[in-house]
Amino acid sequence: QVQLVESGGGLVQPGGSLRLSCAASGMIRLYTMGWYRQAPGKQRELVAGITRGGSTNYVDSVKGRFTISRDNGQNTVYLQMDSLKPEDTAVYYCNAARVALGYDCWGQGTQVTVSS
């Protein structure tokens, strides 16, 4: 399994942008990668995912605003977040999954707060 470390969170005004990074200790090319978020009192939800082949998917609420990407050479996954809204406020978690083998692992999370 890989160890995941997220960074890039912080406080931003509505309409602003942030770029989250997820640095892995191993070869992420073997993994399906995803960004999840959990707001207070809510369940954790998948925000964006990217397969080993580079196919992406997004929750409807972030489509057109967020972009997930991966750099297998740097073992890093990114989440570019533009046009941020207060409802995007949450702890964002990176996930690495070996779907065929049935296991995954998580980072420790990074707080994103969108507020004026």
N, C-alpha and C. Protein backbone atom coordinates (compact mmCIF):
# COMPACT_ATOMS: atom_id res chain seq x y z
N GLN A 1 0.83 -1.20 0.00
CA GLN A 1 0.00 0.00 0.00
C GLN A 1 0.86 1.25 0.00
N VAL A 2 0.25 2.36 -0.43
CA VAL A 2 0.96 3.61 -0.45
C VAL A 2 0.52 4.49 0.71
N GLN A 3 1.41 5.39 1.10
CA GLN A 3 1.08 6.44 2.06
C GLN A 3 0.75 7.69 1.25
N LEU A 4 -0.31 8.40 1.67
CA LEU A 4 -0.79 9.57 0.94
C LEU A 4 -0.72 10.79 1.83
N VAL A 5 -0.22 11.90 1.30
CA VAL A 5 -0.15 13.15 2.05
C VAL A 5 -0.75 14.26 1.20
N GLU A 6 -1.85 14.83 1.71
CA GLU A 6 -2.49 15.93 1.01
C GLU A 6 -1.91 17.27 1.44
N SER A 7 -1.98 18.25 0.56
CA SER A 7 -1.58 19.61 0.88
C SER A 7 -2.32 20.56 -0.03
N GLY A 8 -2.27 21.86 0.32
CA GLY A 8 -2.85 22.87 -0.54
C GLY A 8 -4.16 23.45 -0.06
N GLY A 9 -4.70 22.92 1.02
CA GLY A 9 -5.94 23.47 1.54
C GLY A 9 -5.72 24.82 2.19
N GLY A 10 -6.84 25.46 2.56
CA GLY A 10 -6.75 26.75 3.21
C GLY A 10 -8.05 27.50 3.15
N LEU A 11 -7.96 28.78 3.47
CA LEU A 11 -9.12 29.67 3.45
C LEU A 11 -9.10 30.49 2.17
N VAL A 12 -10.21 30.52 1.47
CA VAL A 12 -10.31 31.26 0.22
C VAL A 12 -11.67 31.92 0.14
N GLN A 13 -11.74 33.06 -0.54
CA GLN A 13 -13.01 33.74 -0.70
C GLN A 13 -13.84 33.08 -1.79
N PRO A 14 -15.15 33.22 -1.73
CA PRO A 14 -15.99 32.70 -2.81
C PRO A 14 -15.53 33.23 -4.16
N GLY A 15 -15.52 32.33 -5.14
CA GLY A 15 -15.03 32.67 -6.47
C GLY A 15 -13.55 32.44 -6.66
N GLY A 16 -12.86 32.15 -5.58
CA GLY A 16 -11.42 31.93 -5.65
C GLY A 16 -11.05 30.52 -6.08
N SER A 17 -9.75 30.27 -6.07
CA SER A 17 -9.23 28.98 -6.53
C SER A 17 -8.24 28.41 -5.52
N LEU A 18 -8.16 27.10 -5.50
CA LEU A 18 -7.14 26.38 -4.76
C LEU A 18 -6.72 25.17 -5.58
N ARG A 19 -5.48 24.73 -5.36
CA ARG A 19 -5.00 23.51 -5.98
C ARG A 19 -4.52 22.57 -4.89
N LEU A 20 -5.21 21.45 -4.77
CA LEU A 20 -4.81 20.43 -3.81
C LEU A 20 -3.84 19.46 -4.47
N SER A 21 -2.90 18.99 -3.66
CA SER A 21 -1.96 17.97 -4.12
C SER A 21 -2.02 16.77 -3.19
N CYS A 22 -1.79 15.62 -3.75
CA CYS A 22 -1.73 14.37 -2.99
C CYS A 22 -0.47 13.64 -3.41
N ALA A 23 0.51 13.63 -2.53
CA ALA A 23 1.78 12.99 -2.82
C ALA A 23 1.77 11.58 -2.24
N ALA A 24 2.13 10.60 -3.08
CA ALA A 24 2.11 9.20 -2.68
C ALA A 24 3.53 8.67 -2.50
N SER A 25 3.63 7.68 -1.61
CA SER A 25 4.94 7.09 -1.32
C SER A 25 5.33 6.02 -2.32
N GLY A 26 4.37 5.59 -3.16
CA GLY A 26 4.63 4.53 -4.11
C GLY A 26 4.09 4.86 -5.49
N MET A 27 4.06 3.85 -6.33
CA MET A 27 3.70 4.04 -7.73
C MET A 27 2.18 4.16 -7.91
N ILE A 28 1.70 5.36 -8.08
CA ILE A 28 0.26 5.56 -8.21
C ILE A 28 -0.27 5.04 -9.54
N ARG A 29 0.62 4.72 -10.48
CA ARG A 29 0.14 4.22 -11.78
C ARG A 29 -0.65 2.93 -11.62
N LEU A 30 -0.47 2.26 -10.48
CA LEU A 30 -1.19 1.02 -10.22
C LEU A 30 -2.59 1.25 -9.64
N TYR A 31 -2.90 2.51 -9.32
CA TYR A 31 -4.09 2.82 -8.54
C TYR A 31 -5.08 3.69 -9.31
N THR A 32 -6.36 3.47 -9.03
CA THR A 32 -7.38 4.45 -9.32
C THR A 32 -7.34 5.48 -8.19
N MET A 33 -7.29 6.75 -8.55
CA MET A 33 -7.14 7.80 -7.54
C MET A 33 -8.41 8.63 -7.45
N GLY A 34 -8.68 9.13 -6.26
CA GLY A 34 -9.87 9.94 -6.09
C GLY A 34 -9.70 10.99 -5.01
N TRP A 35 -10.49 12.04 -5.13
CA TRP A 35 -10.61 13.05 -4.09
C TRP A 35 -12.03 12.96 -3.53
N TYR A 36 -12.11 12.87 -2.21
CA TYR A 36 -13.37 12.86 -1.50
C TYR A 36 -13.41 14.07 -0.59
N ARG A 37 -14.61 14.39 -0.11
CA ARG A 37 -14.72 15.47 0.87
C ARG A 37 -15.79 15.12 1.88
N GLN A 38 -15.63 15.69 3.06
CA GLN A 38 -16.60 15.49 4.12
C GLN A 38 -16.81 16.81 4.85
N ALA A 39 -18.04 17.31 4.78
CA ALA A 39 -18.41 18.52 5.48
C ALA A 39 -18.99 18.14 6.84
N PRO A 40 -18.98 19.06 7.80
CA PRO A 40 -19.51 18.75 9.12
C PRO A 40 -20.96 18.26 9.04
N GLY A 41 -21.22 17.15 9.69
CA GLY A 41 -22.57 16.60 9.74
C GLY A 41 -23.01 15.88 8.48
N LYS A 42 -22.11 15.73 7.52
CA LYS A 42 -22.46 15.08 6.26
C LYS A 42 -21.57 13.86 6.02
N GLN A 43 -22.05 12.99 5.14
CA GLN A 43 -21.27 11.83 4.78
C GLN A 43 -20.15 12.21 3.82
N ARG A 44 -19.10 11.41 3.83
CA ARG A 44 -18.02 11.61 2.89
C ARG A 44 -18.53 11.30 1.48
N GLU A 45 -18.18 12.14 0.53
CA GLU A 45 -18.63 11.94 -0.85
C GLU A 45 -17.45 12.01 -1.82
N LEU A 46 -17.59 11.25 -2.90
CA LEU A 46 -16.58 11.30 -3.96
C LEU A 46 -16.77 12.60 -4.75
N VAL A 47 -15.72 13.37 -4.84
CA VAL A 47 -15.74 14.62 -5.58
C VAL A 47 -15.27 14.39 -7.02
N ALA A 48 -14.15 13.69 -7.17
CA ALA A 48 -13.58 13.47 -8.49
C ALA A 48 -12.72 12.22 -8.45
N GLY A 49 -12.72 11.47 -9.55
CA GLY A 49 -11.90 10.28 -9.65
C GLY A 49 -11.19 10.24 -10.98
N ILE A 50 -10.05 9.53 -10.99
CA ILE A 50 -9.30 9.37 -12.24
C ILE A 50 -8.75 7.95 -12.25
N THR A 51 -9.03 7.26 -13.36
CA THR A 51 -8.61 5.87 -13.47
C THR A 51 -7.14 5.76 -13.85
N ARG A 52 -6.64 4.53 -13.88
CA ARG A 52 -5.26 4.30 -14.29
C ARG A 52 -5.04 4.78 -15.72
N GLY A 53 -6.09 4.70 -16.54
CA GLY A 53 -5.98 5.12 -17.92
C GLY A 53 -6.23 6.60 -18.15
N GLY A 54 -6.60 7.32 -17.09
CA GLY A 54 -6.79 8.75 -17.20
C GLY A 54 -8.22 9.22 -17.38
N SER A 55 -9.17 8.29 -17.38
CA SER A 55 -10.57 8.70 -17.45
C SER A 55 -10.98 9.35 -16.13
N THR A 56 -11.81 10.38 -16.25
CA THR A 56 -12.20 11.14 -15.06
C THR A 56 -13.71 11.14 -14.87
N ASN A 57 -14.12 11.33 -13.63
CA ASN A 57 -15.53 11.51 -13.32
C ASN A 57 -15.64 12.49 -12.17
N TYR A 58 -16.77 13.20 -12.13
CA TYR A 58 -16.98 14.25 -11.13
C TYR A 58 -18.40 14.18 -10.58
N VAL A 59 -18.55 14.57 -9.33
CA VAL A 59 -19.88 14.76 -8.80
C VAL A 59 -20.48 15.97 -9.50
N ASP A 60 -21.79 15.95 -9.71
CA ASP A 60 -22.44 17.00 -10.50
C ASP A 60 -22.16 18.40 -9.98
N SER A 61 -22.07 18.55 -8.67
CA SER A 61 -21.94 19.88 -8.08
C SER A 61 -20.61 20.57 -8.39
N VAL A 62 -19.62 19.82 -8.88
CA VAL A 62 -18.32 20.43 -9.17
C VAL A 62 -17.97 20.40 -10.65
N LYS A 63 -18.80 19.80 -11.46
CA LYS A 63 -18.50 19.72 -12.88
C LYS A 63 -18.34 21.11 -13.48
N GLY A 64 -17.28 21.28 -14.27
CA GLY A 64 -17.00 22.57 -14.88
C GLY A 64 -16.20 23.50 -13.99
N ARG A 65 -16.02 23.13 -12.71
CA ARG A 65 -15.27 23.98 -11.79
C ARG A 65 -14.00 23.30 -11.28
N PHE A 66 -14.04 22.00 -11.10
CA PHE A 66 -12.91 21.24 -10.56
C PHE A 66 -12.30 20.38 -11.65
N THR A 67 -11.00 20.17 -11.57
CA THR A 67 -10.30 19.31 -12.50
C THR A 67 -9.32 18.41 -11.75
N ILE A 68 -9.46 17.11 -11.92
CA ILE A 68 -8.53 16.17 -11.34
C ILE A 68 -7.50 15.77 -12.39
N SER A 69 -6.26 15.61 -11.95
CA SER A 69 -5.20 15.17 -12.86
C SER A 69 -4.19 14.34 -12.08
N ARG A 70 -3.38 13.60 -12.82
CA ARG A 70 -2.38 12.76 -12.16
C ARG A 70 -1.06 12.86 -12.89
N ASP A 71 0.01 12.80 -12.13
CA ASP A 71 1.37 12.78 -12.68
C ASP A 71 2.02 11.51 -12.13
N ASN A 72 1.96 10.46 -12.92
CA ASN A 72 2.48 9.18 -12.44
C ASN A 72 3.99 9.23 -12.20
N GLY A 73 4.69 10.05 -12.96
CA GLY A 73 6.13 10.16 -12.76
C GLY A 73 6.49 10.77 -11.42
N GLN A 74 5.66 11.69 -10.94
CA GLN A 74 5.86 12.34 -9.66
C GLN A 74 5.05 11.69 -8.55
N ASN A 75 4.27 10.65 -8.90
CA ASN A 75 3.40 9.97 -7.92
C ASN A 75 2.54 10.96 -7.17
N THR A 76 1.92 11.86 -7.93
CA THR A 76 1.12 12.92 -7.33
C THR A 76 -0.18 13.08 -8.11
N VAL A 77 -1.24 13.34 -7.36
CA VAL A 77 -2.54 13.63 -7.94
C VAL A 77 -2.95 15.03 -7.49
N TYR A 78 -3.61 15.74 -8.40
CA TYR A 78 -3.99 17.11 -8.13
C TYR A 78 -5.50 17.29 -8.25
N LEU A 79 -6.00 18.29 -7.55
CA LEU A 79 -7.38 18.72 -7.72
C LEU A 79 -7.36 20.24 -7.83
N GLN A 80 -7.57 20.72 -9.06
CA GLN A 80 -7.68 22.15 -9.29
C GLN A 80 -9.12 22.56 -9.05
N MET A 81 -9.32 23.49 -8.13
CA MET A 81 -10.66 23.91 -7.75
C MET A 81 -10.82 25.39 -8.06
N ASP A 82 -11.69 25.70 -8.99
CA ASP A 82 -11.96 27.07 -9.40
C ASP A 82 -13.41 27.45 -9.06
N SER A 83 -13.67 28.74 -9.06
CA SER A 83 -15.02 29.25 -8.78
C SER A 83 -15.59 28.62 -7.51
N LEU A 84 -14.79 28.64 -6.48
CA LEU A 84 -15.19 27.98 -5.23
C LEU A 84 -16.39 28.65 -4.60
N LYS A 85 -17.21 27.82 -3.96
CA LYS A 85 -18.43 28.26 -3.31
C LYS A 85 -18.37 27.90 -1.83
N PRO A 86 -19.13 28.58 -0.99
CA PRO A 86 -19.14 28.23 0.44
C PRO A 86 -19.51 26.77 0.67
N GLU A 87 -20.35 26.21 -0.18
CA GLU A 87 -20.76 24.81 0.00
C GLU A 87 -19.64 23.82 -0.35
N ASP A 88 -18.52 24.31 -0.87
CA ASP A 88 -17.36 23.44 -1.10
C ASP A 88 -16.52 23.28 0.17
N THR A 89 -16.87 23.99 1.22
CA THR A 89 -16.14 23.90 2.48
C THR A 89 -16.25 22.49 3.04
N ALA A 90 -15.09 21.88 3.30
CA ALA A 90 -15.04 20.50 3.78
C ALA A 90 -13.59 20.12 4.02
N VAL A 91 -13.41 18.95 4.64
CA VAL A 91 -12.09 18.32 4.66
C VAL A 91 -12.00 17.46 3.40
N TYR A 92 -10.95 17.65 2.64
CA TYR A 92 -10.75 16.91 1.39
C TYR A 92 -9.71 15.81 1.62
N TYR A 93 -10.08 14.61 1.17
CA TYR A 93 -9.24 13.43 1.37
C TYR A 93 -8.84 12.83 0.02
N CYS A 94 -7.62 12.38 -0.05
CA CYS A 94 -7.13 11.66 -1.20
C CYS A 94 -7.29 10.15 -0.95
N ASN A 95 -7.66 9.44 -2.00
CA ASN A 95 -7.85 7.98 -1.91
C ASN A 95 -7.14 7.30 -3.06
N ALA A 96 -6.50 6.19 -2.74
CA ALA A 96 -5.86 5.36 -3.76
C ALA A 96 -6.44 3.96 -3.67
N ALA A 97 -6.97 3.44 -4.77
CA ALA A 97 -7.66 2.17 -4.75
C ALA A 97 -7.08 1.19 -5.76
N ARG A 98 -6.87 -0.03 -5.29
CA ARG A 98 -6.57 -1.14 -6.19
C ARG A 98 -7.87 -1.89 -6.35
N VAL A 99 -8.66 -1.48 -7.33
CA VAL A 99 -10.03 -1.95 -7.46
C VAL A 99 -10.08 -3.47 -7.61
N ALA A 100 -9.24 -4.01 -8.46
CA ALA A 100 -9.27 -5.45 -8.72
C ALA A 100 -8.88 -6.27 -7.50
N LEU A 101 -8.06 -5.68 -6.62
CA LEU A 101 -7.60 -6.39 -5.44
C LEU A 101 -8.46 -6.10 -4.22
N GLY A 102 -9.34 -5.11 -4.35
CA GLY A 102 -10.31 -4.88 -3.29
C GLY A 102 -9.79 -4.15 -2.07
N TYR A 103 -8.79 -3.29 -2.23
CA TYR A 103 -8.38 -2.49 -1.08
C TYR A 103 -8.07 -1.07 -1.52
N ASP A 104 -8.10 -0.19 -0.52
CA ASP A 104 -7.74 1.18 -0.78
C ASP A 104 -7.09 1.80 0.44
N CYS A 105 -6.57 3.01 0.28
CA CYS A 105 -5.96 3.71 1.41
C CYS A 105 -6.25 5.20 1.30
N TRP A 106 -6.12 5.87 2.45
CA TRP A 106 -6.53 7.26 2.57
C TRP A 106 -5.41 8.13 3.09
N GLY A 107 -5.46 9.41 2.70
CA GLY A 107 -4.62 10.40 3.34
C GLY A 107 -5.28 10.94 4.59
N GLN A 108 -4.62 11.89 5.23
CA GLN A 108 -5.10 12.41 6.50
C GLN A 108 -6.09 13.55 6.32
N GLY A 109 -6.19 14.09 5.11
CA GLY A 109 -7.15 15.14 4.82
C GLY A 109 -6.54 16.53 4.91
N THR A 110 -7.15 17.46 4.17
CA THR A 110 -6.75 18.86 4.21
C THR A 110 -8.01 19.71 4.21
N GLN A 111 -8.04 20.71 5.07
CA GLN A 111 -9.24 21.54 5.23
C GLN A 111 -9.30 22.60 4.14
N VAL A 112 -10.47 22.71 3.53
CA VAL A 112 -10.76 23.78 2.58
C VAL A 112 -11.95 24.57 3.14
N THR A 113 -11.76 25.86 3.31
CA THR A 113 -12.81 26.73 3.81
C THR A 113 -13.04 27.86 2.83
N VAL A 114 -14.26 27.97 2.36
CA VAL A 114 -14.63 29.03 1.41
C VAL A 114 -15.55 30.00 2.13
N SER A 115 -15.04 31.19 2.38
CA SER A 115 -15.80 32.15 3.17
C SER A 115 -15.28 33.55 2.90
N SER A 116 -16.19 34.51 2.98
CA SER A 116 -15.80 35.91 2.83
C SER A 116 -15.51 36.52 4.20
